[in-house]
Amino acid sequence: MGYQSLTAAPFTIPPKDSNYTYKEVIILLTDGLNTEDRWYNNASQIDARQKITCDNVKAAGITLYTIQVNTTGDPTSTLLKECASTQDKFYMLTSANAMITVFNQIGTELSNLRVAK
């Protein structure tokens, strides 16, 4: 839905000001376990569908942060690591407290402005 809200139907995308440079970002927070969605209950089918979406997000120039919340010792999701726009935009959280740190870090990164002549 994040991808659709930035690019296509069923949402109406407001016109963009051509004099402004926009930074489009999606932050995907998940446990990383693709066990069921509205179409499938097979992890490999869900993973394949998610990979297509991640590829489309990146091709559209949208920055994608992926955050895996893993407090039960599940394996790191290779798919989430690959979905992130770059490796430094994937985060593995093993405690609830880490969420505050990660969102502060992402917020700081997004708020860094560059002034150019």
N, C-alpha and C. Protein backbone atom coordinates (compact mmCIF):
# COMPACT_ATOMS: atom_id res chain seq x y z
N MET A 1 0.82 -1.19 0.00
CA MET A 1 0.00 0.00 0.00
C MET A 1 0.87 1.25 0.00
N GLY A 2 2.01 1.20 0.65
CA GLY A 2 2.90 2.36 0.65
C GLY A 2 3.33 2.73 -0.76
N TYR A 3 3.68 1.71 -1.53
CA TYR A 3 4.09 1.93 -2.93
C TYR A 3 2.94 2.52 -3.74
N GLN A 4 1.76 1.95 -3.59
CA GLN A 4 0.61 2.45 -4.34
C GLN A 4 0.25 3.87 -3.93
N SER A 5 0.38 4.18 -2.65
CA SER A 5 0.01 5.53 -2.21
C SER A 5 0.94 6.60 -2.78
N LEU A 6 2.13 6.20 -3.20
CA LEU A 6 3.07 7.15 -3.79
C LEU A 6 3.03 7.17 -5.32
N THR A 7 2.46 6.13 -5.93
CA THR A 7 2.60 6.01 -7.39
C THR A 7 1.34 5.78 -8.18
N ALA A 8 0.30 5.16 -7.64
CA ALA A 8 -0.77 4.73 -8.53
C ALA A 8 -2.10 4.49 -7.83
N ALA A 9 -3.05 4.07 -8.66
CA ALA A 9 -4.39 3.72 -8.19
C ALA A 9 -4.28 2.65 -7.11
N PRO A 10 -5.18 2.62 -6.19
CA PRO A 10 -6.47 3.30 -6.16
C PRO A 10 -6.43 4.69 -5.56
N PHE A 11 -5.25 5.24 -5.35
CA PHE A 11 -5.13 6.55 -4.71
C PHE A 11 -4.99 7.65 -5.75
N THR A 12 -5.44 8.83 -5.38
CA THR A 12 -5.24 9.99 -6.23
C THR A 12 -3.97 10.69 -5.75
N ILE A 13 -2.98 10.72 -6.61
CA ILE A 13 -1.71 11.32 -6.26
C ILE A 13 -1.79 12.81 -6.55
N PRO A 14 -1.55 13.66 -5.55
CA PRO A 14 -1.61 15.11 -5.83
C PRO A 14 -0.49 15.52 -6.77
N PRO A 15 -0.73 16.55 -7.56
CA PRO A 15 0.33 17.02 -8.47
C PRO A 15 1.53 17.51 -7.66
N LYS A 16 2.71 17.34 -8.25
CA LYS A 16 3.94 17.76 -7.60
C LYS A 16 4.41 19.09 -8.19
N ASP A 17 4.95 19.91 -7.33
CA ASP A 17 5.51 21.19 -7.74
C ASP A 17 6.83 20.92 -8.46
N SER A 18 6.94 21.34 -9.70
CA SER A 18 8.15 21.08 -10.48
C SER A 18 9.35 21.86 -9.96
N ASN A 19 9.14 22.84 -9.09
CA ASN A 19 10.24 23.62 -8.53
C ASN A 19 10.76 23.03 -7.21
N TYR A 20 10.26 21.86 -6.85
CA TYR A 20 10.64 21.25 -5.58
C TYR A 20 11.14 19.83 -5.84
N THR A 21 12.18 19.43 -5.13
CA THR A 21 12.69 18.07 -5.23
C THR A 21 12.12 17.27 -4.05
N TYR A 22 11.36 16.26 -4.36
CA TYR A 22 10.71 15.44 -3.35
C TYR A 22 11.58 14.25 -2.96
N LYS A 23 11.45 13.84 -1.72
CA LYS A 23 12.12 12.64 -1.23
C LYS A 23 11.02 11.66 -0.82
N GLU A 24 10.83 10.63 -1.63
CA GLU A 24 9.80 9.64 -1.34
C GLU A 24 10.44 8.46 -0.62
N VAL A 25 9.82 8.07 0.49
CA VAL A 25 10.40 7.06 1.37
C VAL A 25 9.30 6.11 1.85
N ILE A 26 9.64 4.84 1.91
CA ILE A 26 8.79 3.84 2.55
C ILE A 26 9.62 3.17 3.64
N ILE A 27 9.01 3.02 4.81
CA ILE A 27 9.64 2.28 5.90
C ILE A 27 8.77 1.05 6.14
N LEU A 28 9.34 -0.12 5.87
CA LEU A 28 8.63 -1.38 6.03
C LEU A 28 9.08 -2.05 7.32
N LEU A 29 8.17 -2.15 8.26
CA LEU A 29 8.44 -2.76 9.57
C LEU A 29 7.68 -4.07 9.63
N THR A 30 8.39 -5.18 9.86
CA THR A 30 7.77 -6.49 9.83
C THR A 30 8.55 -7.48 10.68
N ASP A 31 7.93 -8.63 10.95
CA ASP A 31 8.68 -9.69 11.63
C ASP A 31 9.51 -10.49 10.63
N GLY A 32 9.31 -10.22 9.34
CA GLY A 32 10.11 -10.87 8.31
C GLY A 32 9.65 -12.26 7.92
N LEU A 33 8.60 -12.73 8.55
CA LEU A 33 8.10 -14.07 8.26
C LEU A 33 6.88 -13.98 7.36
N ASN A 34 7.05 -14.31 6.11
CA ASN A 34 5.94 -14.26 5.16
C ASN A 34 5.19 -15.59 5.22
N THR A 35 4.21 -15.66 6.10
CA THR A 35 3.48 -16.90 6.30
C THR A 35 2.10 -16.90 5.65
N GLU A 36 1.53 -15.71 5.44
CA GLU A 36 0.19 -15.65 4.85
C GLU A 36 -0.09 -14.23 4.39
N ASP A 37 -0.74 -14.11 3.24
CA ASP A 37 -1.27 -12.82 2.80
C ASP A 37 -2.66 -13.08 2.23
N ARG A 38 -3.24 -12.11 1.58
CA ARG A 38 -4.62 -12.30 1.12
C ARG A 38 -4.72 -13.22 -0.09
N TRP A 39 -3.60 -13.57 -0.71
CA TRP A 39 -3.64 -14.47 -1.87
C TRP A 39 -3.06 -15.86 -1.57
N TYR A 40 -2.01 -15.92 -0.77
CA TYR A 40 -1.27 -17.16 -0.59
C TYR A 40 -1.04 -17.47 0.89
N ASN A 41 -0.75 -18.73 1.16
CA ASN A 41 -0.27 -19.11 2.49
C ASN A 41 1.01 -19.92 2.37
N ASN A 42 1.70 -19.72 1.24
CA ASN A 42 2.96 -20.38 0.96
C ASN A 42 4.06 -19.32 0.96
N ALA A 43 5.04 -19.48 1.84
CA ALA A 43 6.07 -18.44 2.02
C ALA A 43 6.82 -18.12 0.73
N SER A 44 7.14 -19.10 -0.08
CA SER A 44 7.90 -18.81 -1.30
C SER A 44 7.08 -18.00 -2.30
N GLN A 45 5.78 -18.23 -2.37
CA GLN A 45 4.93 -17.43 -3.25
C GLN A 45 4.83 -15.99 -2.74
N ILE A 46 4.70 -15.85 -1.44
CA ILE A 46 4.61 -14.51 -0.85
C ILE A 46 5.93 -13.77 -1.03
N ASP A 47 7.04 -14.46 -0.82
CA ASP A 47 8.37 -13.86 -1.01
C ASP A 47 8.54 -13.37 -2.44
N ALA A 48 8.11 -14.18 -3.40
CA ALA A 48 8.25 -13.80 -4.81
C ALA A 48 7.44 -12.55 -5.12
N ARG A 49 6.25 -12.48 -4.57
CA ARG A 49 5.40 -11.30 -4.78
C ARG A 49 6.02 -10.07 -4.11
N GLN A 50 6.56 -10.24 -2.91
CA GLN A 50 7.20 -9.13 -2.20
C GLN A 50 8.43 -8.64 -2.95
N LYS A 51 9.20 -9.55 -3.51
CA LYS A 51 10.39 -9.15 -4.27
C LYS A 51 10.02 -8.29 -5.46
N ILE A 52 8.95 -8.64 -6.16
CA ILE A 52 8.49 -7.83 -7.29
C ILE A 52 8.13 -6.42 -6.82
N THR A 53 7.42 -6.34 -5.71
CA THR A 53 7.05 -5.02 -5.17
C THR A 53 8.29 -4.23 -4.79
N CYS A 54 9.24 -4.86 -4.11
CA CYS A 54 10.48 -4.17 -3.72
C CYS A 54 11.24 -3.67 -4.94
N ASP A 55 11.32 -4.51 -5.97
CA ASP A 55 12.00 -4.10 -7.20
C ASP A 55 11.30 -2.90 -7.84
N ASN A 56 9.97 -2.89 -7.83
CA ASN A 56 9.21 -1.78 -8.39
C ASN A 56 9.41 -0.49 -7.58
N VAL A 57 9.46 -0.63 -6.27
CA VAL A 57 9.68 0.53 -5.40
C VAL A 57 11.03 1.17 -5.74
N LYS A 58 12.06 0.36 -5.80
CA LYS A 58 13.40 0.88 -6.08
C LYS A 58 13.49 1.46 -7.50
N ALA A 59 12.84 0.81 -8.47
CA ALA A 59 12.85 1.31 -9.84
C ALA A 59 12.15 2.65 -9.95
N ALA A 60 11.20 2.91 -9.06
CA ALA A 60 10.48 4.18 -9.06
C ALA A 60 11.27 5.29 -8.37
N GLY A 61 12.45 4.94 -7.84
CA GLY A 61 13.28 5.95 -7.18
C GLY A 61 12.86 6.24 -5.75
N ILE A 62 12.07 5.38 -5.17
CA ILE A 62 11.61 5.54 -3.79
C ILE A 62 12.63 4.88 -2.87
N THR A 63 13.02 5.56 -1.82
CA THR A 63 13.95 5.00 -0.85
C THR A 63 13.18 4.03 0.04
N LEU A 64 13.71 2.82 0.17
CA LEU A 64 13.04 1.78 0.95
C LEU A 64 13.91 1.35 2.12
N TYR A 65 13.40 1.60 3.33
CA TYR A 65 14.02 1.10 4.55
C TYR A 65 13.25 -0.15 4.96
N THR A 66 13.96 -1.21 5.34
CA THR A 66 13.29 -2.40 5.84
C THR A 66 13.78 -2.68 7.25
N ILE A 67 12.84 -2.98 8.13
CA ILE A 67 13.15 -3.24 9.53
C ILE A 67 12.53 -4.57 9.91
N GLN A 68 13.37 -5.51 10.31
CA GLN A 68 12.88 -6.81 10.78
C GLN A 68 12.92 -6.81 12.30
N VAL A 69 11.76 -7.01 12.90
CA VAL A 69 11.67 -7.14 14.35
C VAL A 69 11.72 -8.63 14.67
N ASN A 70 12.78 -9.02 15.35
CA ASN A 70 13.03 -10.43 15.59
C ASN A 70 13.39 -10.62 17.06
N THR A 71 12.38 -10.88 17.88
CA THR A 71 12.63 -11.06 19.32
C THR A 71 12.58 -12.52 19.73
N THR A 72 12.41 -13.43 18.74
CA THR A 72 12.27 -14.85 19.09
C THR A 72 13.36 -15.72 18.47
N GLY A 73 14.39 -15.11 17.89
CA GLY A 73 15.50 -15.88 17.35
C GLY A 73 15.29 -16.44 15.96
N ASP A 74 14.30 -15.93 15.22
CA ASP A 74 14.10 -16.38 13.85
C ASP A 74 15.29 -15.93 13.00
N PRO A 75 15.52 -16.58 11.85
CA PRO A 75 16.64 -16.17 11.01
C PRO A 75 16.43 -14.79 10.39
N THR A 76 17.52 -14.14 10.07
CA THR A 76 17.45 -12.86 9.37
C THR A 76 16.86 -13.09 7.99
N SER A 77 15.94 -12.23 7.60
CA SER A 77 15.29 -12.35 6.30
C SER A 77 16.21 -11.84 5.20
N THR A 78 16.66 -12.74 4.35
CA THR A 78 17.47 -12.36 3.19
C THR A 78 16.66 -11.45 2.28
N LEU A 79 15.38 -11.75 2.13
CA LEU A 79 14.51 -10.94 1.27
C LEU A 79 14.45 -9.49 1.76
N LEU A 80 14.29 -9.28 3.05
CA LEU A 80 14.24 -7.91 3.57
C LEU A 80 15.55 -7.19 3.37
N LYS A 81 16.66 -7.90 3.54
CA LYS A 81 17.97 -7.29 3.31
C LYS A 81 18.10 -6.84 1.86
N GLU A 82 17.63 -7.69 0.93
CA GLU A 82 17.72 -7.37 -0.49
C GLU A 82 16.70 -6.32 -0.91
N CYS A 83 15.59 -6.23 -0.19
CA CYS A 83 14.55 -5.25 -0.53
C CYS A 83 14.97 -3.83 -0.18
N ALA A 84 15.75 -3.67 0.85
CA ALA A 84 16.18 -2.32 1.25
C ALA A 84 16.92 -1.67 0.09
N SER A 85 16.77 -0.36 -0.04
CA SER A 85 17.41 0.36 -1.14
C SER A 85 18.91 0.14 -1.17
N THR A 86 19.53 0.13 -0.01
CA THR A 86 20.95 -0.19 0.13
C THR A 86 21.10 -1.00 1.42
N GLN A 87 22.22 -1.67 1.58
CA GLN A 87 22.41 -2.52 2.75
C GLN A 87 22.29 -1.76 4.06
N ASP A 88 22.70 -0.50 4.08
CA ASP A 88 22.62 0.27 5.32
C ASP A 88 21.20 0.71 5.66
N LYS A 89 20.24 0.39 4.81
CA LYS A 89 18.84 0.74 5.06
C LYS A 89 18.04 -0.48 5.54
N PHE A 90 18.74 -1.56 5.85
CA PHE A 90 18.12 -2.73 6.48
C PHE A 90 18.52 -2.73 7.95
N TYR A 91 17.54 -2.98 8.81
CA TYR A 91 17.80 -3.03 10.25
C TYR A 91 17.20 -4.31 10.82
N MET A 92 17.96 -4.97 11.67
CA MET A 92 17.50 -6.14 12.40
C MET A 92 17.36 -5.73 13.86
N LEU A 93 16.16 -5.80 14.38
CA LEU A 93 15.91 -5.43 15.77
C LEU A 93 15.65 -6.69 16.58
N THR A 94 16.31 -6.81 17.70
CA THR A 94 16.11 -7.97 18.57
C THR A 94 15.48 -7.59 19.90
N SER A 95 15.15 -6.30 20.06
CA SER A 95 14.46 -5.85 21.27
C SER A 95 13.57 -4.66 20.91
N ALA A 96 12.53 -4.50 21.69
CA ALA A 96 11.60 -3.39 21.46
C ALA A 96 12.29 -2.04 21.62
N ASN A 97 13.21 -1.94 22.55
CA ASN A 97 13.92 -0.68 22.79
C ASN A 97 14.72 -0.23 21.58
N ALA A 98 15.18 -1.17 20.78
CA ALA A 98 15.98 -0.82 19.60
C ALA A 98 15.16 -0.05 18.57
N MET A 99 13.84 -0.18 18.62
CA MET A 99 12.99 0.49 17.66
C MET A 99 13.13 2.02 17.77
N ILE A 100 13.22 2.52 18.97
CA ILE A 100 13.37 3.96 19.18
C ILE A 100 14.66 4.45 18.53
N THR A 101 15.73 3.73 18.76
CA THR A 101 17.03 4.10 18.21
C THR A 101 17.00 4.11 16.68
N VAL A 102 16.43 3.07 16.10
CA VAL A 102 16.39 2.96 14.63
C VAL A 102 15.54 4.06 14.01
N PHE A 103 14.37 4.33 14.57
CA PHE A 103 13.53 5.38 14.00
C PHE A 103 14.16 6.75 14.18
N ASN A 104 14.87 6.98 15.27
CA ASN A 104 15.61 8.23 15.43
C ASN A 104 16.72 8.34 14.38
N GLN A 105 17.41 7.24 14.14
CA GLN A 105 18.48 7.22 13.14
C GLN A 105 17.92 7.50 11.74
N ILE A 106 16.82 6.85 11.39
CA ILE A 106 16.21 7.08 10.08
C ILE A 106 15.72 8.53 9.97
N GLY A 107 15.09 9.02 11.02
CA GLY A 107 14.61 10.41 11.02
C GLY A 107 15.74 11.40 10.83
N THR A 108 16.85 11.15 11.50
CA THR A 108 18.02 12.02 11.35
C THR A 108 18.55 11.98 9.93
N GLU A 109 18.63 10.78 9.36
CA GLU A 109 19.11 10.64 7.99
C GLU A 109 18.21 11.37 6.99
N LEU A 110 16.90 11.25 7.21
CA LEU A 110 15.95 11.89 6.29
C LEU A 110 15.94 13.41 6.44
N SER A 111 16.30 13.90 7.60
CA SER A 111 16.25 15.35 7.83
C SER A 111 17.54 16.06 7.45
N ASN A 112 18.58 15.31 7.09
CA ASN A 112 19.83 15.94 6.66
C ASN A 112 19.60 16.67 5.35
N LEU A 113 19.83 17.94 5.36
CA LEU A 113 19.63 18.76 4.17
C LEU A 113 20.98 19.11 3.57
N ARG A 114 20.99 19.17 2.26
CA ARG A 114 22.20 19.61 1.56
C ARG A 114 21.89 20.88 0.81
N VAL A 115 22.70 21.88 1.05
CA VAL A 115 22.53 23.15 0.37
C VAL A 115 23.62 23.21 -0.73
N ALA A 116 23.20 23.45 -1.94
CA ALA A 116 24.14 23.49 -3.06
C ALA A 116 23.96 24.79 -3.82
N LYS A 117 25.03 25.22 -4.43
CA LYS A 117 24.97 26.42 -5.25
C LYS A 117 24.81 26.05 -6.68
